[in-house]
Protein backbone atom coordinates (compact mmCIF):
# COMPACT_ATOMS: atom_id res chain seq x y z
CA MET A 1 126.15 -46.56 19.57
CA ARG A 2 127.67 -48.14 22.70
CA ILE A 3 125.40 -47.85 25.74
CA VAL A 4 125.97 -48.67 29.41
CA SER A 5 122.85 -49.04 31.56
CA LEU A 6 123.18 -48.54 35.31
CA VAL A 7 119.52 -49.40 35.99
CA PRO A 8 117.86 -52.86 35.77
CA SER A 9 114.48 -51.66 34.51
CA ILE A 10 116.13 -49.46 31.89
CA THR A 11 118.26 -52.34 30.61
CA GLU A 12 115.07 -54.36 30.09
CA THR A 13 113.44 -51.35 28.44
CA LEU A 14 116.28 -50.87 25.95
CA PHE A 15 115.96 -54.47 24.81
CA ASP A 16 112.18 -54.20 24.61
CA LEU A 17 112.59 -51.15 22.39
CA GLY A 18 114.70 -53.22 20.02
CA LEU A 19 118.32 -52.50 20.90
CA MET A 20 120.74 -55.41 20.74
CA THR A 21 123.77 -56.77 22.60
CA ASP A 22 126.21 -55.03 20.27
CA GLU A 23 124.66 -51.70 21.33
CA ILE A 24 124.16 -52.33 25.07
CA VAL A 25 127.72 -53.09 26.19
CA GLY A 26 127.50 -52.76 29.99
CA ARG A 27 124.93 -53.48 32.70
CA THR A 28 124.73 -53.98 36.47
CA LYS A 29 124.59 -57.38 38.15
CA PHE A 30 120.96 -56.64 39.01
CA CYS A 31 119.98 -56.27 35.35
CA ILE A 32 118.33 -59.69 34.99
CA HIS A 33 115.82 -59.16 32.15
CA PRO A 34 115.74 -60.40 29.44
CA LYS A 35 117.96 -63.24 30.66
CA ASP A 36 119.01 -64.63 27.27
CA TYR A 37 120.37 -61.21 26.31
CA VAL A 38 121.78 -59.77 29.53
CA ASP A 39 123.93 -62.86 30.13
CA LYS A 40 125.97 -61.77 27.10
CA ILE A 41 126.66 -58.27 28.44
CA GLU A 42 129.60 -57.12 30.58
CA ILE A 43 128.75 -56.56 34.27
CA ILE A 44 130.00 -53.23 35.62
CA GLY A 45 129.17 -53.71 39.33
CA GLY A 46 125.99 -53.07 41.27
CA THR A 47 123.69 -50.08 41.00
CA LYS A 48 125.31 -48.45 44.04
CA ASN A 49 128.87 -49.72 43.67
CA LEU A 50 129.81 -49.14 40.06
CA ASN A 51 133.18 -50.23 38.74
CA ILE A 52 134.15 -46.89 37.20
CA ASP A 53 137.34 -48.21 35.60
CA LYS A 54 135.47 -51.04 33.92
CA ILE A 55 132.87 -48.63 32.56
CA LYS A 56 135.63 -46.43 31.16
CA SER A 57 137.26 -49.43 29.50
CA LEU A 58 134.03 -50.13 27.61
CA LYS A 59 134.26 -46.67 26.00
CA PRO A 60 130.50 -46.02 26.01
CA ASP A 61 128.95 -43.30 23.86
CA PHE A 62 126.05 -43.01 26.28
CA ILE A 63 125.32 -43.97 29.90
CA ILE A 64 121.86 -44.11 31.46
CA ALA A 65 121.53 -43.68 35.23
CA ASN A 66 118.76 -43.02 37.75
CA LYS A 67 118.60 -40.41 40.50
CA GLU A 68 117.40 -42.87 43.14
CA GLU A 69 119.09 -46.10 42.15
CA ASN A 70 122.62 -44.80 41.58
CA ILE A 71 125.05 -42.92 43.82
CA ARG A 72 125.34 -39.25 42.89
CA GLU A 73 129.12 -39.03 43.32
CA GLN A 74 129.69 -42.03 41.04
CA VAL A 75 127.40 -40.64 38.35
CA GLU A 76 129.11 -37.24 38.54
CA GLU A 77 132.48 -38.97 38.13
CA LEU A 78 131.24 -40.60 34.93
CA MET A 79 129.88 -37.28 33.69
CA LYS A 80 133.45 -35.95 33.49
CA ASP A 81 134.20 -38.29 30.59
CA PHE A 82 130.89 -39.44 29.15
CA LYS A 83 127.44 -38.31 28.14
CA VAL A 84 125.11 -39.42 30.96
CA LEU A 85 121.31 -39.32 31.04
CA VAL A 86 120.03 -39.23 34.63
CA THR A 87 116.41 -40.36 34.88
CA ASN A 88 113.98 -39.68 37.72
CA ILE A 89 110.76 -41.69 37.62
CA GLU A 90 108.10 -41.07 40.27
CA THR A 91 104.81 -41.22 38.36
CA LEU A 92 103.24 -42.93 35.34
CA GLU A 93 103.54 -39.60 33.54
CA ASP A 94 107.30 -39.62 34.21
CA ASN A 95 107.38 -43.15 32.82
CA TYR A 96 105.50 -42.07 29.71
CA TYR A 97 108.05 -39.35 28.97
CA LEU A 98 110.97 -41.67 29.73
CA LEU A 99 109.82 -44.11 27.06
CA LYS A 100 109.14 -41.26 24.67
CA GLN A 101 112.61 -39.83 25.30
CA LEU A 102 114.38 -43.17 24.85
CA GLY A 103 112.37 -43.87 21.73
CA HIS A 104 113.46 -40.54 20.27
CA LEU A 105 117.12 -40.97 21.28
CA PHE A 106 117.48 -44.40 19.69
CA GLY A 107 115.08 -44.12 16.78
CA LYS A 108 112.52 -46.45 18.37
CA GLU A 109 109.54 -44.08 18.56
CA GLU A 110 107.00 -46.64 17.36
CA LYS A 111 108.06 -49.26 19.91
CA ALA A 112 108.04 -46.64 22.68
CA GLN A 113 104.50 -45.59 21.79
CA PHE A 114 103.41 -49.24 21.75
CA PHE A 115 104.66 -49.79 25.29
CA ASN A 116 103.14 -46.52 26.50
CA LEU A 117 99.74 -47.65 25.24
CA LYS A 118 100.21 -51.08 26.83
CA THR A 119 101.11 -49.41 30.13
CA TYR A 120 97.84 -47.50 30.28
CA GLU A 121 95.94 -50.63 29.26
CA ALA A 122 97.58 -52.49 32.15
CA PHE A 123 95.89 -50.15 34.62
CA ASP A 124 92.57 -49.96 32.83
CA ASN A 125 89.73 -51.29 34.99
CA GLN A 126 92.17 -52.84 37.47
CA LYS A 127 91.06 -50.75 40.44
CA SER A 128 89.78 -52.46 43.57
CA GLU A 129 86.05 -51.97 44.16
CA LYS A 130 86.78 -50.77 47.69
CA ARG A 131 89.68 -48.40 48.38
CA LEU A 132 91.64 -50.61 50.74
CA LYS A 133 94.48 -49.30 52.89
CA VAL A 134 97.74 -51.05 52.05
CA ALA A 135 101.04 -51.21 53.89
CA TYR A 136 103.76 -52.22 51.42
CA LEU A 137 106.88 -53.63 53.08
CA ILE A 138 110.22 -53.65 51.26
CA TRP A 139 112.62 -54.63 54.07
CA LYS A 140 112.97 -56.55 57.31
CA ASN A 141 115.28 -55.86 60.29
CA PRO A 142 114.29 -53.08 60.40
CA TYR A 143 110.89 -53.22 58.75
CA MET A 144 110.66 -50.55 56.06
CA THR A 145 107.75 -49.39 53.95
CA VAL A 146 107.17 -46.85 51.15
CA GLY A 147 106.10 -43.23 51.54
CA GLY A 148 103.75 -41.30 49.32
CA ASP A 149 106.52 -39.79 47.17
CA THR A 150 107.67 -43.13 45.69
CA PHE A 151 106.93 -44.85 42.40
CA ILE A 152 105.61 -47.87 44.30
CA SER A 153 103.07 -45.70 46.10
CA ARG A 154 101.88 -44.25 42.78
CA ILE A 155 101.39 -47.74 41.37
CA LEU A 156 99.34 -48.68 44.44
CA GLU A 157 97.18 -45.61 43.85
CA GLU A 158 96.75 -46.43 40.15
CA LEU A 159 95.47 -49.85 41.20
CA GLY A 160 92.91 -48.24 43.50
CA PHE A 161 94.65 -48.81 46.84
CA GLU A 162 95.47 -46.25 49.51
CA ASN A 163 99.02 -46.27 50.85
CA LEU A 164 98.77 -46.36 54.65
CA PHE A 165 101.99 -44.34 54.86
CA ASN A 166 101.11 -41.87 52.14
CA ASN A 167 101.92 -38.92 54.42
CA GLN A 168 105.52 -40.06 54.93
CA LYS A 169 108.58 -39.62 52.70
CA ARG A 170 110.69 -42.16 50.84
CA TYR A 171 111.27 -45.38 52.80
CA PRO A 172 110.50 -44.97 56.51
CA GLU A 173 111.29 -47.53 59.19
CA ILE A 174 108.22 -48.84 61.00
CA GLN A 175 107.14 -51.21 63.76
CA LEU A 176 104.67 -54.03 63.23
CA GLU A 177 102.25 -52.23 65.55
CA ASP A 178 102.10 -49.44 62.95
CA LEU A 179 100.49 -51.84 60.47
CA LYS A 180 97.33 -52.49 62.44
CA GLU A 181 95.39 -49.75 60.64
CA ALA A 182 95.96 -51.42 57.27
CA ASP A 183 93.41 -53.59 55.50
CA LEU A 184 96.17 -55.33 53.56
CA ILE A 185 99.87 -55.87 54.04
CA PHE A 186 101.90 -56.48 50.91
CA LEU A 187 105.30 -58.14 51.34
CA SER A 188 107.46 -57.37 48.32
CA SER A 189 109.57 -60.08 46.71
CA GLU A 190 112.39 -57.53 46.44
CA PRO A 191 114.68 -55.96 47.54
CA PHE A 192 114.14 -58.09 50.66
CA PRO A 193 112.97 -61.56 49.58
CA PHE A 194 109.93 -62.00 51.80
CA LYS A 195 108.71 -65.61 52.10
CA GLU A 196 105.71 -67.44 53.55
CA LYS A 197 107.45 -67.76 56.93
CA HIS A 198 107.47 -63.97 57.22
CA ILE A 199 103.70 -63.88 56.79
CA GLU A 200 103.38 -66.10 59.88
CA GLU A 201 105.70 -63.84 61.89
CA ILE A 202 103.80 -60.66 61.00
CA GLN A 203 100.40 -62.32 61.45
CA GLU A 204 101.22 -62.91 65.13
CA VAL A 205 101.02 -59.13 65.63
CA CYS A 206 98.69 -58.14 62.77
CA LYS A 207 95.92 -60.67 63.35
CA ASN A 208 93.17 -58.85 61.44
CA GLN A 209 95.10 -57.93 58.30
CA LYS A 210 95.30 -59.95 55.10
CA ILE A 211 98.97 -60.44 54.25
CA LYS A 212 100.17 -61.29 50.76
CA ILE A 213 103.53 -61.64 49.04
CA VAL A 214 103.55 -59.58 45.84
CA ASP A 215 105.84 -59.35 42.83
CA GLY A 216 108.14 -56.45 43.64
CA GLU A 217 109.04 -55.95 40.00
CA ALA A 218 105.38 -55.27 39.13
CA PHE A 219 105.38 -52.36 41.59
CA SER A 220 108.88 -50.91 41.30
CA TRP A 221 110.26 -51.63 37.81
CA TYR A 222 109.43 -48.74 35.52
CA GLY A 223 110.09 -48.42 31.79
CA THR A 224 108.46 -51.17 29.73
CA HIS A 225 108.13 -53.68 32.56
CA ILE A 226 104.82 -52.43 33.94
CA ALA A 227 103.31 -52.60 30.45
CA LYS A 228 103.65 -56.38 30.76
CA CYS A 229 101.97 -56.62 34.19
CA GLY A 230 98.33 -56.12 33.20
CA GLU A 231 97.37 -59.75 33.77
CA TYR A 232 99.20 -59.82 37.11
CA TYR A 233 97.36 -56.69 38.27
CA ARG A 234 94.03 -58.17 37.16
CA VAL A 235 94.55 -61.43 39.05
CA LEU A 236 95.78 -59.55 42.13
CA SER A 237 92.75 -57.29 42.12
CA GLU A 238 90.34 -60.19 41.72
CA ASP A 239 92.06 -62.16 44.47
CA LEU A 240 91.62 -59.28 46.91
């Protein structure tokens, strides 16, 4: 089977399940894991600017997309010629069924079950002793955070945190003054690459909050990735 993945975390998942480079024939430029394998695969654009002609030239049997990460019109264009699976992952339960579905589709049920068990182990006993309010920033200029209906927010909850902006939708723009009710401010390493200098800038306004740069992949990459983040979650929880 020839597969094109339009989603970074799904590309990683397919390899983790045991598929190889002769089966995964196309990926986006943001599909960076596992590096030794993805470097051998044809790039078909970015998640939101797919090269439709290039995808067609690869003659895939199957394309995997995501409701949030890909542009609807581009996915619908591909659906005219190819079989496309559109995923929508908002909760750990969604993630469980995604792995189960992919395992069934590609005959990798045992591997899928393994990663599902590892995912639940990753969140076992990782909850903070005190339910701290967290503001999770994903962008600068303007500052943007995550609402309660996002996968990132669900991961925060699974780790025992409370999303300060839980009552808002998707990815609202905010002002630094809005962060003063938080106990913690997490600066994600992606999609905006927050650095130590940004901590200093935000600390000038948010003087009483603890600010920490966190691994964005550990909070936003679904599929098999979060199954491998148990140690990261443990260290993060202990540090806080």
